[in-house]
Protein backbone atom coordinates (compact mmCIF):
# COMPACT_ATOMS: atom_id res chain seq x y z
CA UNK A 1 -33.29 -17.69 -45.97
CA UNK A 2 -30.66 -19.64 -47.84
CA UNK A 3 -30.62 -22.68 -50.10
CA UNK A 4 -27.90 -25.28 -49.59
CA UNK A 5 -27.20 -28.89 -50.26
CA UNK A 6 -27.70 -30.90 -47.03
CA UNK A 7 -24.13 -32.22 -47.15
CA UNK A 8 -22.80 -28.66 -46.85
CA UNK A 9 -24.37 -27.99 -43.45
CA UNK A 10 -23.83 -31.36 -41.73
CA UNK A 11 -20.86 -30.09 -39.70
CA UNK A 12 -22.60 -26.79 -38.82
CA UNK A 13 -25.59 -28.57 -37.32
CA UNK A 14 -23.54 -31.47 -35.92
CA UNK A 15 -25.63 -34.02 -37.81
CA UNK A 16 -23.22 -35.99 -40.05
CA UNK A 17 -25.98 -38.33 -41.27
CA UNK A 18 -28.41 -35.56 -42.33
CA UNK A 19 -28.66 -36.82 -45.92
CA UNK A 20 -29.43 -40.35 -44.68
CA UNK A 21 -32.11 -38.96 -42.36
CA UNK A 22 -33.70 -37.00 -45.21
CA UNK A 23 -33.71 -40.10 -47.40
CA UNK A 24 -35.28 -42.14 -44.57
CA UNK A 25 -37.89 -39.42 -44.03
CA UNK A 26 -38.83 -39.41 -47.74
CA UNK A 27 -39.05 -43.21 -47.75
CA UNK A 28 -41.29 -43.16 -44.66
CA UNK A 29 -43.57 -40.58 -46.30
CA UNK A 30 -43.82 -42.64 -49.48
CA UNK A 31 -44.37 -45.94 -47.62
CA UNK A 32 -46.45 -45.09 -44.51
CA UNK A 33 -47.58 -48.70 -44.01
CA UNK A 34 -44.06 -50.17 -44.11
CA UNK A 35 -43.05 -50.76 -40.47
CA UNK A 36 -39.80 -52.56 -41.29
CA UNK A 37 -36.52 -50.71 -41.47
CA UNK A 38 -35.61 -50.05 -45.09
CA UNK A 39 -32.09 -50.91 -46.19
CA UNK A 40 -29.84 -48.15 -47.50
CA UNK A 41 -30.29 -49.42 -51.07
CA UNK A 42 -34.10 -49.02 -50.74
CA UNK A 43 -33.90 -45.35 -49.78
CA UNK A 44 -34.59 -42.77 -52.49
CA UNK A 45 -31.63 -40.68 -53.63
CA UNK A 46 -31.74 -37.02 -52.60
CA UNK A 47 -29.67 -34.49 -54.54
CA UNK A 48 -31.72 -31.32 -54.08
CA UNK A 49 -30.98 -28.18 -52.15
CA UNK A 50 -32.97 -27.48 -49.02
CA UNK A 51 -34.20 -24.05 -47.98
CA UNK A 52 -33.19 -22.90 -44.51
CA UNK A 53 -35.24 -20.27 -42.72
CA UNK A 54 -33.65 -19.08 -39.45
CA UNK A 55 -36.99 -18.14 -37.91
CA UNK A 56 -40.73 -18.15 -38.46
CA UNK A 57 -43.86 -17.06 -36.65
CA UNK A 58 -46.65 -19.59 -36.24
CA UNK A 59 -50.17 -18.35 -35.54
CA UNK A 60 -52.65 -20.96 -34.40
CA UNK A 61 -55.94 -21.53 -32.62
CA UNK A 62 -55.81 -23.48 -29.38
CA UNK A 63 -59.41 -24.01 -28.26
CA UNK A 64 -58.29 -25.78 -25.07
CA UNK A 65 -56.37 -22.65 -23.96
CA UNK A 66 -58.58 -19.58 -24.08
CA UNK A 67 -56.01 -17.29 -22.41
CA UNK A 68 -55.37 -15.60 -25.77
CA UNK A 69 -57.99 -13.64 -27.69
CA UNK A 70 -60.49 -16.35 -28.56
CA UNK A 71 -57.80 -19.01 -28.18
CA UNK A 72 -55.48 -17.47 -30.81
CA UNK A 73 -51.75 -17.72 -30.12
CA UNK A 74 -48.52 -17.01 -31.93
CA UNK A 75 -45.09 -18.45 -31.36
CA UNK A 76 -41.69 -17.44 -32.68
CA UNK A 77 -39.77 -20.50 -33.82
CA UNK A 78 -36.02 -19.97 -34.09
CA UNK A 79 -33.01 -21.87 -35.32
CA UNK A 80 -30.11 -19.51 -34.73
CA UNK A 81 -26.40 -19.97 -33.94
CA UNK A 82 -26.66 -17.17 -31.39
CA UNK A 83 -29.78 -15.95 -29.59
CA UNK A 84 -29.43 -12.44 -28.13
CA UNK A 85 -25.63 -12.69 -28.01
CA UNK A 86 -25.84 -15.98 -26.14
CA UNK A 87 -25.99 -19.65 -26.96
CA UNK A 88 -27.77 -20.93 -30.04
CA UNK A 89 -31.49 -21.60 -30.06
CA UNK A 90 -32.91 -24.50 -32.06
CA UNK A 91 -36.62 -24.86 -31.33
CA UNK A 92 -38.39 -26.70 -34.12
CA UNK A 93 -38.05 -27.67 -37.74
CA UNK A 94 -40.79 -27.84 -40.35
CA UNK A 95 -40.50 -30.13 -43.35
CA UNK A 96 -42.71 -29.39 -46.34
CA UNK A 97 -44.00 -32.79 -47.47
CA UNK A 98 -46.41 -31.51 -50.12
CA UNK A 99 -45.88 -28.06 -51.64
CA UNK A 100 -49.15 -28.33 -53.58
CA UNK A 101 -51.14 -28.23 -50.32
CA UNK A 102 -51.86 -24.86 -48.71
CA UNK A 103 -51.09 -24.19 -45.07
CA UNK A 104 -49.88 -26.60 -42.41
CA UNK A 105 -51.46 -29.70 -43.97
CA UNK A 106 -48.34 -30.18 -46.13
CA UNK A 107 -45.92 -29.95 -43.20
CA UNK A 108 -44.45 -32.33 -40.67
CA UNK A 109 -43.06 -30.95 -37.42
CA UNK A 110 -40.16 -32.21 -35.35
CA UNK A 111 -39.06 -30.68 -32.05
CA UNK A 112 -35.35 -30.68 -31.40
């Protein structure tokens, strides 16, 4: 785990407009009914550090797939520059949209 300003990692993750994307994401969360594209001046400013976790384990119930014990599954989610001495692995990102809410209800998921 490490905390960094988004502008510091833009080159590492090859996403030069990361700060703009974060600002757009926050705007979309605050204005869910607004279907128009917000102008840059409408986007909220974002000056905070973000916390980066290189991996996580998700445990979940999948009632439509009973191959696990009672439908329970777990999945390792990785975002690593090198996976087992090979190429990087960037599965999924989780964005905490409401830290006051317990569990997954305060998270949005994006597959990359």
